[in-house]
Amino acid sequence: TLSLHDALPILPEYYPTRTELAILAGNAGEIARQMRRAFEDLIDALCSEGALAVVAEDIHWADAPSLGYLDGALRKLRDRPLFLLALARPELTEIVPELFLP
């Protein structure tokens, strides 16, 4: 597992160069996958330092990719010391009923 201290120098590898951006311009799915992986790796690195609590307020305003990052990190890192407190209006469960469910 990667520590946060070790992760910080390699985080730039997740950000594409201008040339890579030009190549990926027509492939938004690949960029989304890279961003999600970077987020999950960052959360994993933070968890390796100790228990991590994340507070996300007003997530009923969040876009679908942001909700996916949080949901994906919870699913992928379920064995890590990660606590997410996600605050939202009740209607969020009507819009995305499977969010954060095992």
N, C-alpha and C. Protein backbone atom coordinates (compact mmCIF):
# COMPACT_ATOMS: atom_id res chain seq x y z
N THR A 1 0.84 -1.18 0.00
CA THR A 1 0.00 0.00 0.00
C THR A 1 0.88 1.23 0.00
N LEU A 2 0.44 2.24 -0.69
CA LEU A 2 1.17 3.48 -0.85
C LEU A 2 0.84 4.45 0.28
N SER A 3 1.87 5.05 0.87
CA SER A 3 1.61 6.06 1.90
C SER A 3 1.36 7.40 1.23
N LEU A 4 0.72 8.31 1.95
CA LEU A 4 0.47 9.63 1.39
C LEU A 4 1.78 10.31 1.03
N HIS A 5 2.79 10.17 1.88
CA HIS A 5 4.10 10.78 1.61
C HIS A 5 4.67 10.27 0.29
N ASP A 6 4.49 8.97 0.03
CA ASP A 6 4.98 8.40 -1.22
C ASP A 6 4.08 8.72 -2.41
N ALA A 7 2.79 8.95 -2.13
CA ALA A 7 1.83 9.18 -3.22
C ALA A 7 1.96 10.57 -3.82
N LEU A 8 2.26 11.57 -3.01
CA LEU A 8 2.27 12.94 -3.52
C LEU A 8 3.20 13.15 -4.71
N PRO A 9 4.42 12.62 -4.70
CA PRO A 9 5.29 12.83 -5.87
C PRO A 9 4.78 12.17 -7.14
N ILE A 10 4.01 11.08 -7.03
CA ILE A 10 3.57 10.39 -8.25
C ILE A 10 2.20 10.82 -8.73
N LEU A 11 1.49 11.65 -7.94
CA LEU A 11 0.17 12.09 -8.39
C LEU A 11 0.20 12.76 -9.76
N PRO A 12 1.25 13.52 -10.11
CA PRO A 12 1.25 14.12 -11.45
C PRO A 12 1.16 13.11 -12.58
N GLU A 13 1.52 11.84 -12.35
CA GLU A 13 1.41 10.85 -13.42
C GLU A 13 -0.03 10.64 -13.84
N TYR A 14 -0.97 11.01 -13.00
CA TYR A 14 -2.39 10.85 -13.33
C TYR A 14 -2.90 11.98 -14.22
N TYR A 15 -2.13 13.04 -14.33
CA TYR A 15 -2.56 14.18 -15.13
C TYR A 15 -1.90 14.09 -16.50
N PRO A 16 -2.69 14.01 -17.53
CA PRO A 16 -2.12 13.84 -18.87
C PRO A 16 -1.40 15.09 -19.35
N THR A 17 -0.41 14.88 -20.23
CA THR A 17 0.30 15.98 -20.87
C THR A 17 -0.61 16.60 -21.93
N ARG A 18 -0.18 17.70 -22.51
CA ARG A 18 -0.99 18.33 -23.57
C ARG A 18 -1.16 17.39 -24.76
N THR A 19 -0.11 16.68 -25.09
CA THR A 19 -0.19 15.73 -26.20
C THR A 19 -1.20 14.63 -25.89
N GLU A 20 -1.12 14.10 -24.68
CA GLU A 20 -2.07 13.06 -24.28
C GLU A 20 -3.49 13.59 -24.27
N LEU A 21 -3.66 14.84 -23.82
CA LEU A 21 -4.99 15.45 -23.84
C LEU A 21 -5.53 15.53 -25.26
N ALA A 22 -4.68 15.90 -26.20
CA ALA A 22 -5.11 15.99 -27.59
C ALA A 22 -5.55 14.62 -28.10
N ILE A 23 -4.80 13.59 -27.72
CA ILE A 23 -5.15 12.24 -28.14
C ILE A 23 -6.44 11.78 -27.48
N LEU A 24 -6.59 12.13 -26.19
CA LEU A 24 -7.75 11.68 -25.43
C LEU A 24 -8.99 12.55 -25.65
N ALA A 25 -8.84 13.65 -26.36
CA ALA A 25 -9.95 14.60 -26.51
C ALA A 25 -11.23 13.92 -26.98
N GLY A 26 -11.09 12.95 -27.82
CA GLY A 26 -12.26 12.25 -28.32
C GLY A 26 -12.68 11.07 -27.46
N ASN A 27 -12.00 10.88 -26.32
CA ASN A 27 -12.29 9.73 -25.48
C ASN A 27 -12.50 10.16 -24.03
N ALA A 28 -13.64 10.76 -23.77
CA ALA A 28 -13.95 11.26 -22.43
C ALA A 28 -13.99 10.12 -21.42
N GLY A 29 -14.36 8.93 -21.84
CA GLY A 29 -14.42 7.79 -20.94
C GLY A 29 -13.06 7.46 -20.34
N GLU A 30 -12.01 7.55 -21.14
CA GLU A 30 -10.66 7.26 -20.64
C GLU A 30 -10.23 8.31 -19.63
N ILE A 31 -10.52 9.55 -19.89
CA ILE A 31 -10.19 10.61 -18.94
C ILE A 31 -10.94 10.40 -17.63
N ALA A 32 -12.21 10.04 -17.72
CA ALA A 32 -13.01 9.79 -16.52
C ALA A 32 -12.43 8.63 -15.71
N ARG A 33 -11.99 7.58 -16.39
CA ARG A 33 -11.39 6.43 -15.69
C ARG A 33 -10.10 6.83 -14.98
N GLN A 34 -9.28 7.64 -15.64
CA GLN A 34 -8.03 8.09 -15.03
C GLN A 34 -8.31 8.96 -13.81
N MET A 35 -9.27 9.84 -13.91
CA MET A 35 -9.61 10.70 -12.78
C MET A 35 -10.14 9.89 -11.62
N ARG A 36 -10.98 8.91 -11.91
CA ARG A 36 -11.53 8.07 -10.85
C ARG A 36 -10.42 7.28 -10.16
N ARG A 37 -9.51 6.72 -10.97
CA ARG A 37 -8.39 5.98 -10.41
C ARG A 37 -7.52 6.87 -9.53
N ALA A 38 -7.27 8.09 -9.97
CA ALA A 38 -6.47 9.03 -9.19
C ALA A 38 -7.15 9.33 -7.85
N PHE A 39 -8.46 9.54 -7.87
CA PHE A 39 -9.20 9.81 -6.64
C PHE A 39 -9.14 8.61 -5.69
N GLU A 40 -9.38 7.42 -6.21
CA GLU A 40 -9.36 6.22 -5.37
C GLU A 40 -7.96 5.97 -4.82
N ASP A 41 -6.92 6.20 -5.63
CA ASP A 41 -5.55 6.01 -5.14
C ASP A 41 -5.20 7.03 -4.06
N LEU A 42 -5.68 8.26 -4.22
CA LEU A 42 -5.42 9.27 -3.20
C LEU A 42 -6.10 8.91 -1.89
N ILE A 43 -7.37 8.50 -1.95
CA ILE A 43 -8.09 8.09 -0.73
C ILE A 43 -7.40 6.88 -0.10
N ASP A 44 -6.96 5.93 -0.92
CA ASP A 44 -6.27 4.76 -0.41
C ASP A 44 -4.97 5.17 0.29
N ALA A 45 -4.22 6.08 -0.30
CA ALA A 45 -2.97 6.54 0.31
C ALA A 45 -3.24 7.24 1.64
N LEU A 46 -4.28 8.06 1.68
CA LEU A 46 -4.63 8.73 2.94
C LEU A 46 -5.03 7.71 4.00
N CYS A 47 -5.75 6.67 3.61
CA CYS A 47 -6.16 5.62 4.56
C CYS A 47 -4.96 4.84 5.07
N SER A 48 -3.90 4.75 4.28
CA SER A 48 -2.73 4.00 4.73
C SER A 48 -2.01 4.73 5.86
N GLU A 49 -2.26 6.02 5.99
CA GLU A 49 -1.68 6.80 7.09
C GLU A 49 -2.47 6.64 8.38
N GLY A 50 -3.69 6.14 8.29
CA GLY A 50 -4.57 5.96 9.45
C GLY A 50 -6.01 6.15 9.02
N ALA A 51 -6.89 6.06 9.99
CA ALA A 51 -8.32 6.20 9.70
C ALA A 51 -8.60 7.55 9.04
N LEU A 52 -9.48 7.54 8.06
CA LEU A 52 -9.83 8.75 7.31
C LEU A 52 -11.33 8.98 7.39
N ALA A 53 -11.72 10.18 7.75
CA ALA A 53 -13.12 10.58 7.73
C ALA A 53 -13.29 11.65 6.66
N VAL A 54 -14.25 11.44 5.79
CA VAL A 54 -14.57 12.40 4.73
C VAL A 54 -15.99 12.89 4.97
N VAL A 55 -16.17 14.20 4.96
CA VAL A 55 -17.49 14.79 5.11
C VAL A 55 -17.85 15.46 3.79
N ALA A 56 -18.94 15.01 3.21
CA ALA A 56 -19.43 15.59 1.95
C ALA A 56 -20.80 16.18 2.23
N GLU A 57 -20.88 17.49 2.15
CA GLU A 57 -22.13 18.19 2.48
C GLU A 57 -22.90 18.54 1.21
N ASP A 58 -24.21 18.50 1.32
CA ASP A 58 -25.11 18.88 0.21
C ASP A 58 -24.83 18.07 -1.06
N ILE A 59 -24.67 16.76 -0.90
CA ILE A 59 -24.35 15.96 -2.09
C ILE A 59 -25.54 15.83 -3.05
N HIS A 60 -26.69 16.32 -2.64
CA HIS A 60 -27.81 16.35 -3.59
C HIS A 60 -27.51 17.32 -4.74
N TRP A 61 -26.53 18.20 -4.57
CA TRP A 61 -26.11 19.12 -5.63
C TRP A 61 -24.98 18.53 -6.47
N ALA A 62 -24.44 17.40 -6.07
CA ALA A 62 -23.29 16.82 -6.78
C ALA A 62 -23.70 16.28 -8.14
N ASP A 63 -22.75 16.33 -9.07
CA ASP A 63 -22.99 15.74 -10.38
C ASP A 63 -22.76 14.23 -10.30
N ALA A 64 -23.19 13.53 -11.31
CA ALA A 64 -23.10 12.06 -11.32
C ALA A 64 -21.66 11.56 -11.19
N PRO A 65 -20.68 12.14 -11.90
CA PRO A 65 -19.31 11.65 -11.72
C PRO A 65 -18.80 11.80 -10.28
N SER A 66 -19.12 12.90 -9.63
CA SER A 66 -18.67 13.10 -8.25
C SER A 66 -19.28 12.07 -7.32
N LEU A 67 -20.56 11.80 -7.49
CA LEU A 67 -21.20 10.75 -6.70
C LEU A 67 -20.57 9.39 -6.99
N GLY A 68 -20.23 9.17 -8.24
CA GLY A 68 -19.58 7.92 -8.63
C GLY A 68 -18.20 7.76 -8.00
N TYR A 69 -17.45 8.86 -7.87
CA TYR A 69 -16.13 8.80 -7.23
C TYR A 69 -16.28 8.35 -5.78
N LEU A 70 -17.21 8.99 -5.06
CA LEU A 70 -17.41 8.64 -3.66
C LEU A 70 -17.90 7.20 -3.52
N ASP A 71 -18.90 6.85 -4.30
CA ASP A 71 -19.46 5.50 -4.25
C ASP A 71 -18.41 4.46 -4.62
N GLY A 72 -17.66 4.73 -5.67
CA GLY A 72 -16.62 3.80 -6.12
C GLY A 72 -15.53 3.63 -5.08
N ALA A 73 -15.11 4.73 -4.45
CA ALA A 73 -14.07 4.63 -3.42
C ALA A 73 -14.56 3.79 -2.25
N LEU A 74 -15.81 3.99 -1.84
CA LEU A 74 -16.36 3.18 -0.74
C LEU A 74 -16.37 1.70 -1.10
N ARG A 75 -16.76 1.40 -2.31
CA ARG A 75 -16.84 -0.01 -2.74
C ARG A 75 -15.44 -0.63 -2.88
N LYS A 76 -14.53 0.09 -3.53
CA LYS A 76 -13.20 -0.44 -3.78
C LYS A 76 -12.37 -0.54 -2.49
N LEU A 77 -12.57 0.41 -1.57
CA LEU A 77 -11.73 0.48 -0.38
C LEU A 77 -12.48 0.03 0.87
N ARG A 78 -13.42 -0.87 0.72
CA ARG A 78 -14.26 -1.27 1.84
C ARG A 78 -13.48 -1.88 2.99
N ASP A 79 -12.29 -2.40 2.74
CA ASP A 79 -11.49 -2.99 3.82
C ASP A 79 -10.52 -1.99 4.46
N ARG A 80 -10.58 -0.74 4.02
CA ARG A 80 -9.68 0.31 4.54
C ARG A 80 -10.40 1.09 5.64
N PRO A 81 -9.65 1.79 6.50
CA PRO A 81 -10.27 2.58 7.59
C PRO A 81 -10.83 3.90 7.05
N LEU A 82 -11.95 3.81 6.36
CA LEU A 82 -12.56 4.96 5.69
C LEU A 82 -14.00 5.15 6.17
N PHE A 83 -14.30 6.37 6.58
CA PHE A 83 -15.65 6.73 7.02
C PHE A 83 -16.11 7.90 6.16
N LEU A 84 -17.28 7.77 5.55
CA LEU A 84 -17.85 8.85 4.75
C LEU A 84 -19.16 9.30 5.38
N LEU A 85 -19.22 10.56 5.72
CA LEU A 85 -20.47 11.17 6.18
C LEU A 85 -20.96 12.03 5.01
N ALA A 86 -22.01 11.56 4.37
CA ALA A 86 -22.56 12.24 3.20
C ALA A 86 -23.92 12.83 3.57
N LEU A 87 -24.01 14.14 3.53
CA LEU A 87 -25.23 14.84 3.90
C LEU A 87 -25.97 15.27 2.65
N ALA A 88 -27.28 14.95 2.62
CA ALA A 88 -28.08 15.28 1.44
C ALA A 88 -29.55 15.39 1.83
N ARG A 89 -30.30 15.99 0.94
CA ARG A 89 -31.75 16.01 1.12
C ARG A 89 -32.29 14.60 0.89
N PRO A 90 -33.41 14.26 1.53
CA PRO A 90 -33.95 12.89 1.42
C PRO A 90 -34.25 12.46 -0.01
N GLU A 91 -34.58 13.40 -0.89
CA GLU A 91 -34.94 13.01 -2.26
C GLU A 91 -33.78 12.42 -3.05
N LEU A 92 -32.55 12.54 -2.55
CA LEU A 92 -31.41 11.94 -3.25
C LEU A 92 -31.59 10.43 -3.35
N THR A 93 -32.15 9.81 -2.33
CA THR A 93 -32.35 8.36 -2.37
C THR A 93 -33.41 7.97 -3.40
N GLU A 94 -34.28 8.89 -3.76
CA GLU A 94 -35.26 8.62 -4.82
C GLU A 94 -34.59 8.71 -6.19
N ILE A 95 -33.63 9.62 -6.32
CA ILE A 95 -32.95 9.82 -7.60
C ILE A 95 -31.91 8.73 -7.84
N VAL A 96 -31.15 8.39 -6.79
CA VAL A 96 -30.09 7.39 -6.89
C VAL A 96 -30.24 6.39 -5.73
N PRO A 97 -31.22 5.48 -5.82
CA PRO A 97 -31.51 4.59 -4.68
C PRO A 97 -30.37 3.63 -4.32
N GLU A 98 -29.51 3.28 -5.29
CA GLU A 98 -28.45 2.31 -5.02
C GLU A 98 -27.17 2.96 -4.51
N LEU A 99 -27.14 4.28 -4.38
CA LEU A 99 -25.93 4.98 -3.95
C LEU A 99 -25.51 4.54 -2.55
N PHE A 100 -24.25 4.18 -2.42
CA PHE A 100 -23.62 3.80 -1.17
C PHE A 100 -24.14 2.50 -0.57
N LEU A 101 -24.91 1.74 -1.32
CA LEU A 101 -25.38 0.44 -0.81
C LEU A 101 -24.32 -0.62 -1.10
N PRO A 102 -24.21 -1.61 -0.22
CA PRO A 102 -23.20 -2.68 -0.45
C PRO A 102 -23.49 -3.49 -1.69
